[in-house]
Amino acid sequence: MTRLLLALAGVLLLALTALALLWLAGQLLTGLGAFVVGAAGVLWRLLVFLLLAGGLGGVAYFVASAWRPAQGDGPGAAPP
């Protein structure tokens, strides 16, 4: 009878250990998922910022170059 009770206790402890490891794996994957989702959100906002900054910088460069006088050795250049 003692062997049967020890075997039953071993099976219960093994099942409890397996459930604990499964719970721990779930907790780790939940934390990893939250980190990945947060990083994706930050990277998405960074991409939007870079696209907006690049677009506005391009518009500013285009507008600023419209008022810049032409320079160079072209046909409209002043003589030296």
N, C-alpha and C. Protein backbone atom coordinates (compact mmCIF):
# COMPACT_ATOMS: atom_id res chain seq x y z
N MET A 1 0.83 -1.20 0.00
CA MET A 1 0.00 0.00 0.00
C MET A 1 0.87 1.26 0.00
N THR A 2 2.01 1.17 0.67
CA THR A 2 2.90 2.33 0.72
C THR A 2 3.44 2.65 -0.67
N ARG A 3 3.75 1.59 -1.43
CA ARG A 3 4.24 1.83 -2.80
C ARG A 3 3.17 2.51 -3.64
N LEU A 4 1.94 2.13 -3.49
CA LEU A 4 0.85 2.73 -4.26
C LEU A 4 0.67 4.20 -3.88
N LEU A 5 0.74 4.49 -2.59
CA LEU A 5 0.61 5.88 -2.15
C LEU A 5 1.80 6.72 -2.61
N LEU A 6 3.01 6.18 -2.57
CA LEU A 6 4.18 6.91 -3.06
C LEU A 6 4.10 7.14 -4.56
N ALA A 7 3.62 6.15 -5.30
CA ALA A 7 3.46 6.32 -6.75
C ALA A 7 2.41 7.38 -7.06
N LEU A 8 1.31 7.34 -6.32
CA LEU A 8 0.26 8.35 -6.51
C LEU A 8 0.77 9.74 -6.16
N ALA A 9 1.54 9.87 -5.09
CA ALA A 9 2.11 11.16 -4.71
C ALA A 9 3.12 11.63 -5.77
N GLY A 10 3.88 10.71 -6.33
CA GLY A 10 4.82 11.07 -7.39
C GLY A 10 4.11 11.57 -8.64
N VAL A 11 3.02 10.90 -9.00
CA VAL A 11 2.24 11.33 -10.17
C VAL A 11 1.63 12.70 -9.91
N LEU A 12 1.10 12.90 -8.72
CA LEU A 12 0.51 14.22 -8.40
C LEU A 12 1.57 15.33 -8.39
N LEU A 13 2.74 15.04 -7.83
CA LEU A 13 3.81 16.04 -7.84
C LEU A 13 4.30 16.32 -9.26
N LEU A 14 4.37 15.28 -10.07
CA LEU A 14 4.78 15.48 -11.46
C LEU A 14 3.76 16.33 -12.22
N ALA A 15 2.48 16.05 -12.00
CA ALA A 15 1.43 16.84 -12.65
C ALA A 15 1.46 18.28 -12.16
N LEU A 16 1.67 18.47 -10.85
CA LEU A 16 1.73 19.82 -10.30
C LEU A 16 2.93 20.58 -10.85
N THR A 17 4.07 19.91 -10.96
CA THR A 17 5.27 20.54 -11.54
C THR A 17 5.05 20.90 -13.00
N ALA A 18 4.41 20.01 -13.74
CA ALA A 18 4.14 20.30 -15.15
C ALA A 18 3.20 21.50 -15.30
N LEU A 19 2.17 21.55 -14.44
CA LEU A 19 1.25 22.70 -14.49
C LEU A 19 1.96 23.99 -14.11
N ALA A 20 2.86 23.93 -13.13
CA ALA A 20 3.61 25.12 -12.73
C ALA A 20 4.52 25.59 -13.86
N LEU A 21 5.17 24.66 -14.54
CA LEU A 21 6.02 25.04 -15.67
C LEU A 21 5.19 25.61 -16.82
N LEU A 22 4.01 25.05 -17.05
CA LEU A 22 3.13 25.58 -18.09
C LEU A 22 2.66 26.99 -17.75
N TRP A 23 2.33 27.21 -16.47
CA TRP A 23 1.93 28.56 -16.04
C TRP A 23 3.08 29.55 -16.21
N LEU A 24 4.29 29.13 -15.84
CA LEU A 24 5.46 30.00 -15.96
C LEU A 24 5.74 30.33 -17.43
N ALA A 25 5.61 29.33 -18.30
CA ALA A 25 5.81 29.60 -19.73
C ALA A 25 4.76 30.58 -20.24
N GLY A 26 3.53 30.45 -19.77
CA GLY A 26 2.47 31.40 -20.17
C GLY A 26 2.78 32.82 -19.69
N GLN A 27 3.28 32.94 -18.48
CA GLN A 27 3.64 34.26 -17.97
C GLN A 27 4.77 34.88 -18.78
N LEU A 28 5.77 34.08 -19.11
CA LEU A 28 6.90 34.59 -19.90
C LEU A 28 6.45 35.00 -21.30
N LEU A 29 5.60 34.19 -21.92
CA LEU A 29 5.12 34.53 -23.26
C LEU A 29 4.21 35.76 -23.23
N THR A 30 3.44 35.91 -22.16
CA THR A 30 2.60 37.11 -22.03
C THR A 30 3.47 38.36 -21.93
N GLY A 31 4.52 38.29 -21.11
CA GLY A 31 5.44 39.43 -21.00
C GLY A 31 6.15 39.72 -22.30
N LEU A 32 6.57 38.67 -22.98
CA LEU A 32 7.23 38.86 -24.27
C LEU A 32 6.29 39.46 -25.29
N GLY A 33 5.05 39.00 -25.28
CA GLY A 33 4.05 39.56 -26.21
C GLY A 33 3.79 41.04 -25.93
N ALA A 34 3.68 41.39 -24.66
CA ALA A 34 3.47 42.81 -24.31
C ALA A 34 4.66 43.65 -24.76
N PHE A 35 5.86 43.12 -24.59
CA PHE A 35 7.05 43.85 -25.03
C PHE A 35 7.07 44.03 -26.54
N VAL A 36 6.72 42.98 -27.28
CA VAL A 36 6.72 43.05 -28.75
C VAL A 36 5.66 44.04 -29.23
N VAL A 37 4.49 44.00 -28.63
CA VAL A 37 3.43 44.94 -29.03
C VAL A 37 3.84 46.37 -28.71
N GLY A 38 4.44 46.59 -27.55
CA GLY A 38 4.90 47.94 -27.21
C GLY A 38 5.99 48.43 -28.14
N ALA A 39 6.93 47.55 -28.47
CA ALA A 39 8.01 47.93 -29.39
C ALA A 39 7.45 48.23 -30.78
N ALA A 40 6.47 47.45 -31.22
CA ALA A 40 5.87 47.70 -32.53
C ALA A 40 5.17 49.06 -32.55
N GLY A 41 4.50 49.40 -31.46
CA GLY A 41 3.84 50.72 -31.38
C GLY A 41 4.85 51.85 -31.42
N VAL A 42 5.93 51.71 -30.70
CA VAL A 42 6.96 52.75 -30.69
C VAL A 42 7.60 52.88 -32.07
N LEU A 43 7.90 51.76 -32.71
CA LEU A 43 8.51 51.81 -34.04
C LEU A 43 7.55 52.38 -35.08
N TRP A 44 6.25 52.09 -34.95
CA TRP A 44 5.26 52.64 -35.88
C TRP A 44 5.21 54.16 -35.73
N ARG A 45 5.18 54.65 -34.49
CA ARG A 45 5.16 56.11 -34.30
C ARG A 45 6.45 56.76 -34.78
N LEU A 46 7.57 56.07 -34.62
CA LEU A 46 8.84 56.58 -35.14
C LEU A 46 8.81 56.66 -36.66
N LEU A 47 8.25 55.65 -37.31
CA LEU A 47 8.14 55.67 -38.78
C LEU A 47 7.25 56.82 -39.25
N VAL A 48 6.13 57.02 -38.56
CA VAL A 48 5.24 58.13 -38.94
C VAL A 48 5.96 59.47 -38.76
N PHE A 49 6.69 59.62 -37.65
CA PHE A 49 7.43 60.85 -37.41
C PHE A 49 8.49 61.08 -38.50
N LEU A 50 9.23 60.03 -38.84
CA LEU A 50 10.28 60.19 -39.86
C LEU A 50 9.69 60.52 -41.23
N LEU A 51 8.57 59.88 -41.57
CA LEU A 51 7.93 60.21 -42.85
C LEU A 51 7.43 61.65 -42.86
N LEU A 52 6.82 62.07 -41.77
CA LEU A 52 6.32 63.44 -41.68
C LEU A 52 7.47 64.45 -41.69
N ALA A 53 8.52 64.17 -40.93
CA ALA A 53 9.67 65.08 -40.90
C ALA A 53 10.37 65.13 -42.25
N GLY A 54 10.48 63.98 -42.91
CA GLY A 54 11.10 63.97 -44.25
C GLY A 54 10.26 64.73 -45.26
N GLY A 55 8.95 64.54 -45.21
CA GLY A 55 8.06 65.25 -46.14
C GLY A 55 8.09 66.76 -45.91
N LEU A 56 8.00 67.17 -44.64
CA LEU A 56 8.03 68.60 -44.35
C LEU A 56 9.41 69.21 -44.65
N GLY A 57 10.47 68.43 -44.41
CA GLY A 57 11.81 68.91 -44.77
C GLY A 57 11.96 69.07 -46.27
N GLY A 58 11.39 68.13 -47.03
CA GLY A 58 11.43 68.25 -48.49
C GLY A 58 10.65 69.46 -48.98
N VAL A 59 9.50 69.71 -48.38
CA VAL A 59 8.71 70.89 -48.76
C VAL A 59 9.47 72.16 -48.41
N ALA A 60 10.09 72.20 -47.23
CA ALA A 60 10.87 73.38 -46.84
C ALA A 60 12.05 73.60 -47.78
N TYR A 61 12.71 72.51 -48.17
CA TYR A 61 13.84 72.63 -49.10
C TYR A 61 13.36 73.14 -50.46
N PHE A 62 12.23 72.63 -50.92
CA PHE A 62 11.69 73.06 -52.21
C PHE A 62 11.30 74.54 -52.18
N VAL A 63 10.62 74.94 -51.11
CA VAL A 63 10.18 76.34 -51.01
C VAL A 63 11.39 77.26 -50.85
N ALA A 64 12.38 76.85 -50.05
CA ALA A 64 13.56 77.69 -49.86
C ALA A 64 14.36 77.80 -51.14
N SER A 65 14.41 76.75 -51.94
CA SER A 65 15.19 76.81 -53.17
C SER A 65 14.49 77.64 -54.24
N ALA A 66 13.20 77.91 -54.08
CA ALA A 66 12.49 78.72 -55.07
C ALA A 66 12.93 80.18 -54.98
N TRP A 67 13.35 80.67 -53.82
CA TRP A 67 13.76 82.05 -53.65
C TRP A 67 15.27 82.23 -53.71
N ARG A 68 16.00 81.14 -53.84
CA ARG A 68 17.45 81.26 -53.90
C ARG A 68 17.85 81.69 -55.30
N PRO A 69 18.71 82.70 -55.43
CA PRO A 69 19.12 83.12 -56.77
C PRO A 69 19.95 82.03 -57.44
N ALA A 70 19.83 81.94 -58.74
CA ALA A 70 20.58 80.95 -59.50
C ALA A 70 22.06 81.32 -59.49
N GLN A 71 22.92 80.32 -59.28
CA GLN A 71 24.37 80.55 -59.27
C GLN A 71 25.01 79.53 -60.19
N GLY A 72 26.12 79.90 -60.76
CA GLY A 72 26.83 78.96 -61.59
C GLY A 72 27.36 79.64 -62.84
N ASP A 73 27.87 78.83 -63.77
CA ASP A 73 28.45 79.36 -65.00
C ASP A 73 27.50 79.20 -66.17
N GLY A 74 26.23 79.22 -65.91
CA GLY A 74 25.24 79.05 -66.98
C GLY A 74 25.12 80.31 -67.84
N PRO A 75 24.19 80.31 -68.78
CA PRO A 75 24.05 81.46 -69.68
C PRO A 75 23.59 82.73 -68.97
N GLY A 76 22.95 82.64 -67.82
CA GLY A 76 22.50 83.85 -67.13
C GLY A 76 23.45 84.33 -66.06
N ALA A 77 24.64 83.75 -65.97
CA ALA A 77 25.57 84.12 -64.91
C ALA A 77 26.24 85.46 -65.21
N ALA A 78 26.56 86.16 -64.14
CA ALA A 78 27.22 87.45 -64.28
C ALA A 78 28.69 87.24 -64.71
N PRO A 79 29.24 88.18 -65.48
CA PRO A 79 30.63 88.04 -65.90
C PRO A 79 31.57 88.22 -64.71
N PRO A 80 32.74 87.59 -64.72
CA PRO A 80 33.68 87.69 -63.60
C PRO A 80 34.32 89.04 -63.47
